[in-house]
C-alpha atoms as a PDB file:
ATOM      1  CA  MET A   1     -41.339-137.991 -72.292  1.00  0.00           C
ATOM      2  CA  PRO A   2     -38.408-140.318 -72.275  1.00  0.00           C
ATOM      3  CA  ALA A   3     -38.080-142.776 -69.344  1.00  0.00           C
ATOM      4  CA  ASN A   4     -34.915-141.718 -68.047  1.00  0.00           C
ATOM      5  CA  ILE A   5     -36.145-138.081 -67.278  1.00  0.00           C
ATOM      6  CA  PRO A   6     -36.684-137.717 -63.618  1.00  0.00           C
ATOM      7  CA  PRO A   7     -40.186-137.996 -62.891  1.00  0.00           C
ATOM      8  CA  LYS A   8     -40.431-134.397 -61.199  1.00  0.00           C
ATOM      9  CA  VAL A   9     -39.241-132.562 -64.313  1.00  0.00           C
ATOM     10  CA  ARG A  10     -41.832-130.789 -66.332  1.00  0.00           C
ATOM     11  CA  ILE A  11     -42.006-129.251 -69.702  1.00  0.00           C
ATOM     12  CA  ARG A  12     -44.122-126.301 -70.100  1.00  0.00           C
ATOM     13  CA  LEU A  13     -44.336-122.901 -72.099  1.00  0.00           C
ATOM     14  CA  ALA A  14     -42.022-120.150 -70.821  1.00  0.00           C
ATOM     15  CA  ASN A  15     -43.578-116.861 -69.761  1.00  0.00           C
ATOM     16  CA  ALA A  16     -41.885-113.305 -69.744  1.00  0.00           C
ATOM     17  CA  GLY A  17     -41.391-113.846 -65.996  1.00  0.00           C
ATOM     18  CA  GLU A  18     -38.908-116.533 -66.311  1.00  0.00           C
ATOM     19  CA  VAL A  19     -36.514-114.422 -68.619  1.00  0.00           C
ATOM     20  CA  GLU A  20     -33.795-114.271 -65.927  1.00  0.00           C
ATOM     21  CA  ALA A  21     -33.523-117.838 -65.051  1.00  0.00           C
ATOM     22  CA  MET A  22     -33.505-118.638 -68.697  1.00  0.00           C
ATOM     23  CA  ILE A  23     -30.540-116.352 -69.640  1.00  0.00           C
ATOM     24  CA  ALA A  24     -28.328-117.992 -66.596  1.00  0.00           C
ATOM     25  CA  VAL A  25     -29.301-121.319 -68.016  1.00  0.00           C
ATOM     26  CA  VAL A  26     -28.627-120.305 -71.579  1.00  0.00           C
ATOM     27  CA  ASN A  27     -25.488-118.713 -70.865  1.00  0.00           C
ATOM     28  CA  ALA A  28     -24.046-121.448 -68.621  1.00  0.00           C
ATOM     29  CA  ALA A  29     -24.823-124.076 -71.331  1.00  0.00           C
ATOM     30  CA  PHE A  30     -23.095-121.828 -74.297  1.00  0.00           C
ATOM     31  CA  ALA A  31     -20.031-121.020 -72.232  1.00  0.00           C
ATOM     32  CA  ILE A  32     -18.322-123.792 -74.106  1.00  0.00           C
ATOM     33  CA  GLU A  33     -18.599-121.727 -77.074  1.00  0.00           C
ATOM     34  CA  THR A  34     -15.388-120.003 -76.350  1.00  0.00           C
ATOM     35  CA  PHE A  35     -14.780-119.308 -80.167  1.00  0.00           C
ATOM     36  CA  LEU A  36     -17.308-116.545 -79.753  1.00  0.00           C
ATOM     37  CA  ASP A  37     -16.850-113.084 -77.356  1.00  0.00           C
ATOM     38  CA  GLY A  38     -18.912-112.521 -75.067  1.00  0.00           C
ATOM     39  CA  THR A  39     -22.375-114.219 -73.552  1.00  0.00           C
ATOM     40  CA  ARG A  40     -24.955-115.984 -75.717  1.00  0.00           C
ATOM     41  CA  THR A  41     -27.819-113.819 -74.412  1.00  0.00           C
ATOM     42  CA  ASP A  42     -28.771-111.032 -72.564  1.00  0.00           C
ATOM     43  CA  VAL A  43     -32.227-109.609 -71.223  1.00  0.00           C
ATOM     44  CA  GLY A  44     -32.783-107.523 -74.412  1.00  0.00           C
ATOM     45  CA  ARG A  45     -32.319-110.244 -76.860  1.00  0.00           C
ATOM     46  CA  MET A  46     -34.030-112.947 -74.962  1.00  0.00           C
ATOM     47  CA  THR A  47     -37.426-110.408 -74.346  1.00  0.00           C
ATOM     48  CA  GLU A  48     -37.222-109.692 -77.991  1.00  0.00           C
ATOM     49  CA  MET A  49     -37.377-113.372 -78.880  1.00  0.00           C
ATOM     50  CA  MET A  50     -40.056-114.117 -76.443  1.00  0.00           C
ATOM     51  CA  ALA A  51     -42.104-111.586 -77.963  1.00  0.00           C
ATOM     52  CA  LYS A  52     -42.117-113.264 -81.270  1.00  0.00           C
ATOM     53  CA  VAL A  53     -41.375-116.734 -80.799  1.00  0.00           C
ATOM     54  CA  GLU A  54     -42.422-119.224 -78.028  1.00  0.00           C
ATOM     55  CA  PHE A  55     -39.720-120.912 -75.595  1.00  0.00           C
ATOM     56  CA  LEU A  56     -40.476-124.047 -73.832  1.00  0.00           C
ATOM     57  CA  VAL A  57     -38.821-124.649 -70.298  1.00  0.00           C
ATOM     58  CA  ALA A  58     -37.796-127.800 -68.325  1.00  0.00           C
ATOM     59  CA  GLU A  59     -38.620-127.111 -64.965  1.00  0.00           C
ATOM     60  CA  ASP A  60     -37.518-129.242 -61.562  1.00  0.00           C
ATOM     61  CA  ASP A  61     -38.580-128.443 -58.201  1.00  0.00           C
ATOM     62  CA  SER A  62     -39.778-124.841 -59.661  1.00  0.00           C
ATOM     63  CA  ALA A  63     -36.431-124.431 -60.856  1.00  0.00           C
ATOM     64  CA  ILE A  64     -35.609-123.899 -64.600  1.00  0.00           C
ATOM     65  CA  THR A  65     -33.213-126.470 -65.841  1.00  0.00           C
ATOM     66  CA  GLY A  66     -33.237-125.924 -69.603  1.00  0.00           C
ATOM     67  CA  CYS A  67     -35.262-124.214 -72.355  1.00  0.00           C
ATOM     68  CA  VAL A  68     -35.506-124.364 -76.085  1.00  0.00           C
ATOM     69  CA  TYR A  69     -36.858-121.860 -78.801  1.00  0.00           C
ATOM     70  CA  LEU A  70     -39.390-122.801 -80.938  1.00  0.00           C
ATOM     71  CA  GLU A  71     -40.466-121.258 -84.140  1.00  0.00           C
ATOM     72  CA  LYS A  72     -43.128-122.289 -86.679  1.00  0.00           C
ATOM     73  CA  ARG A  73     -42.091-121.335 -90.484  1.00  0.00           C
ATOM     74  CA  GLU A  74     -44.917-122.285 -92.550  1.00  0.00           C
ATOM     75  CA  ASP A  75     -44.967-125.927 -92.521  1.00  0.00           C
ATOM     76  CA  ARG A  76     -41.654-126.354 -90.894  1.00  0.00           C
ATOM     77  CA  GLY A  77     -40.744-126.395 -87.147  1.00  0.00           C
ATOM     78  CA  TYR A  78     -37.522-124.872 -86.096  1.00  0.00           C
ATOM     79  CA  PHE A  79     -35.918-125.055 -82.662  1.00  0.00           C
ATOM     80  CA  GLY A  80     -32.783-123.697 -81.468  1.00  0.00           C
ATOM     81  CA  MET A  81     -30.838-122.296 -78.497  1.00  0.00           C
ATOM     82  CA  LEU A  82     -31.325-125.943 -76.606  1.00  0.00           C
ATOM     83  CA  ALA A  83     -29.776-125.500 -73.369  1.00  0.00           C
ATOM     84  CA  VAL A  84     -29.678-127.750 -70.159  1.00  0.00           C
ATOM     85  CA  ASP A  85     -27.893-126.241 -66.792  1.00  0.00           C
ATOM     86  CA  PRO A  86     -24.567-128.160 -67.265  1.00  0.00           C
ATOM     87  CA  ALA A  87     -24.991-129.824 -63.721  1.00  0.00           C
ATOM     88  CA  ARG A  88     -27.874-131.467 -65.232  1.00  0.00           C
ATOM     89  CA  GLN A  89     -26.861-132.320 -68.777  1.00  0.00           C
ATOM     90  CA  GLY A  90     -26.670-136.064 -69.766  1.00  0.00           C
ATOM     91  CA  GLY A  91     -29.881-136.926 -67.901  1.00  0.00           C
ATOM     92  CA  GLY A  92     -32.478-136.762 -70.494  1.00  0.00           C
ATOM     93  CA  ILE A  93     -33.641-132.996 -70.258  1.00  0.00           C
ATOM     94  CA  GLY A  94     -32.428-132.058 -73.535  1.00  0.00           C
ATOM     95  CA  ARG A  95     -33.805-134.849 -75.519  1.00  0.00           C
ATOM     96  CA  ALA A  96     -37.010-134.205 -73.443  1.00  0.00           C
ATOM     97  CA  LEU A  97     -37.054-130.753 -74.519  1.00  0.00           C
ATOM     98  CA  VAL A  98     -36.581-131.755 -78.355  1.00  0.00           C
ATOM     99  CA  VAL A  99     -39.266-134.184 -78.139  1.00  0.00           C
ATOM    100  CA  ALA A 100     -41.757-131.540 -76.560  1.00  0.00           C
ATOM    101  CA  ALA A 101     -40.859-129.271 -79.357  1.00  0.00           C
ATOM    102  CA  GLU A 102     -41.392-131.925 -81.936  1.00  0.00           C
ATOM    103  CA  ASN A 103     -44.817-132.603 -80.362  1.00  0.00           C
ATOM    104  CA  ARG A 104     -45.505-128.834 -80.380  1.00  0.00           C
ATOM    105  CA  CYS A 105     -44.830-128.184 -84.081  1.00  0.00           C
ATOM    106  CA  ARG A 106     -46.524-131.633 -85.016  1.00  0.00           C
ATOM    107  CA  GLN A 107     -49.952-130.300 -83.367  1.00  0.00           C
ATOM    108  CA  GLN A 108     -49.386-127.102 -85.325  1.00  0.00           C
ATOM    109  CA  GLY A 109     -49.327-128.856 -88.689  1.00  0.00           C
ATOM    110  CA  CYS A 110     -45.476-129.104 -89.167  1.00  0.00           C
ATOM    111  CA  SER A 111     -44.259-131.929 -91.234  1.00  0.00           C
ATOM    112  CA  VAL A 112     -40.355-131.587 -90.729  1.00  0.00           C
ATOM    113  CA  MET A 113     -38.482-130.174 -87.845  1.00  0.00           C
ATOM    114  CA  ASP A 114     -35.026-128.206 -88.580  1.00  0.00           C
ATOM    115  CA  VAL A 115     -32.350-127.369 -86.424  1.00  0.00           C
ATOM    116  CA  SER A 116     -29.059-125.322 -87.014  1.00  0.00           C
ATOM    117  CA  VAL A 117     -25.851-126.709 -85.584  1.00  0.00           C
ATOM    118  CA  LEU A 118     -22.407-124.608 -85.734  1.00  0.00           C
ATOM    119  CA  ASN A 119     -19.446-126.297 -87.517  1.00  0.00           C
ATOM    120  CA  LEU A 120     -17.365-125.584 -84.558  1.00  0.00           C
ATOM    121  CA  ARG A 121     -19.483-127.666 -82.543  1.00  0.00           C
ATOM    122  CA  PRO A 122     -18.925-131.189 -84.084  1.00  0.00           C
ATOM    123  CA  GLU A 123     -19.773-133.051 -80.670  1.00  0.00           C
ATOM    124  CA  LEU A 124     -23.279-132.138 -81.129  1.00  0.00           C
ATOM    125  CA  LEU A 125     -23.835-134.114 -84.180  1.00  0.00           C
ATOM    126  CA  PRO A 126     -24.349-137.452 -82.582  1.00  0.00           C
ATOM    127  CA  PHE A 127     -26.907-136.356 -80.300  1.00  0.00           C
ATOM    128  CA  TYR A 128     -28.938-134.999 -82.965  1.00  0.00           C
ATOM    129  CA  HIS A 129     -28.176-138.036 -84.929  1.00  0.00           C
ATOM    130  CA  ARG A 130     -29.399-140.362 -82.227  1.00  0.00           C
ATOM    131  CA  LEU A 131     -33.073-138.359 -82.276  1.00  0.00           C
ATOM    132  CA  GLY A 132     -33.209-138.831 -85.972  1.00  0.00           C
ATOM    133  CA  TYR A 133     -31.924-135.544 -87.453  1.00  0.00           C
ATOM    134  CA  MET A 134     -29.644-135.569 -90.292  1.00  0.00           C
ATOM    135  CA  GLN A 135     -27.917-133.021 -92.360  1.00  0.00           C
ATOM    136  CA  THR A 136     -29.621-131.361 -95.109  1.00  0.00           C
ATOM    137  CA  GLY A 137     -27.786-128.490 -95.896  1.00  0.00           C
ATOM    138  CA  THR A 138     -25.557-125.311 -94.763  1.00  0.00           C
ATOM    139  CA  GLU A 139     -25.977-121.793 -94.480  1.00  0.00           C
ATOM    140  CA  GLU A 140     -24.120-118.616 -93.304  1.00  0.00           C
ATOM    141  CA  PHE A 141     -23.732-118.000 -89.762  1.00  0.00           C
ATOM    142  CA  HIS A 142     -25.182-114.539 -88.349  1.00  0.00           C
ATOM    143  CA  PRO A 143     -23.812-114.278 -84.881  1.00  0.00           C
ATOM    144  CA  SER A 144     -25.464-112.230 -82.436  1.00  0.00           C
ATOM    145  CA  ARG A 145     -22.069-111.682 -80.798  1.00  0.00           C
ATOM    146  CA  PRO A 146     -18.627-111.437 -82.534  1.00  0.00           C
ATOM    147  CA  LEU A 147     -16.444-114.368 -83.728  1.00  0.00           C
ATOM    148  CA  LYS A 148     -13.074-114.375 -82.227  1.00  0.00           C
ATOM    149  CA  GLU A 149     -10.240-113.403 -84.818  1.00  0.00           C
ATOM    150  CA  GLY A 150      -9.220-115.930 -87.043  1.00  0.00           C
ATOM    151  CA  MET A 151     -12.495-118.268 -86.728  1.00  0.00           C
ATOM    152  CA  GLN A 152     -14.665-119.233 -89.327  1.00  0.00           C
ATOM    153  CA  CYS A 153     -18.169-120.804 -88.808  1.00  0.00           C
ATOM    154  CA  TYR A 154     -20.977-121.876 -90.829  1.00  0.00           C
ATOM    155  CA  CYS A 155     -24.209-123.437 -89.832  1.00  0.00           C
ATOM    156  CA  MET A 156     -25.072-127.101 -90.896  1.00  0.00           C
ATOM    157  CA  ILE A 157     -29.015-127.657 -90.922  1.00  0.00           C
ATOM    158  CA  LEU A 158     -30.202-130.887 -89.389  1.00  0.00           C
ATOM    159  CA  SER A 159     -34.019-132.026 -90.388  1.00  0.00           C
ATOM    160  CA  LYS A 160     -36.477-134.579 -89.201  1.00  0.00           C
ATOM    161  CA  ASN A 161     -39.726-135.676 -90.778  1.00  0.00           C
ATOM    162  CA  LEU A 162     -42.194-135.703 -88.138  1.00  0.00           C
END
């Protein structure tokens, strides 16, 4: 875990009883995406995702301060929905969640890690570049909530060898 993470922050697998706390963090962190209508996730979507894939959570004093979606895709890992409580951003929690996701995928035999970043969120690219991710392609964006009228969006695929 990076040295700039507060020592009381612990990263672990999420459990189904934490859905509400995770939703609160995700929706707060993704509120900046004003180009989309509605909230980032809800109980139905989060519960459905947790039944199929893993989430890691960052916890501090028994409160969830961040989470990340994690999926193994053959020999590649994929993470998404990286979210940190806005009041805690900039303290290394997001970086620690990415490192933990990479480690988990590495342990499961993955040799590459991927993440998708929306072109409308260019401020995220420097963060991922500092973690060793480089753009390897693009793909169509399939939003879980509608784009506001007149907005055009696609996904930039960033990858890193593990």
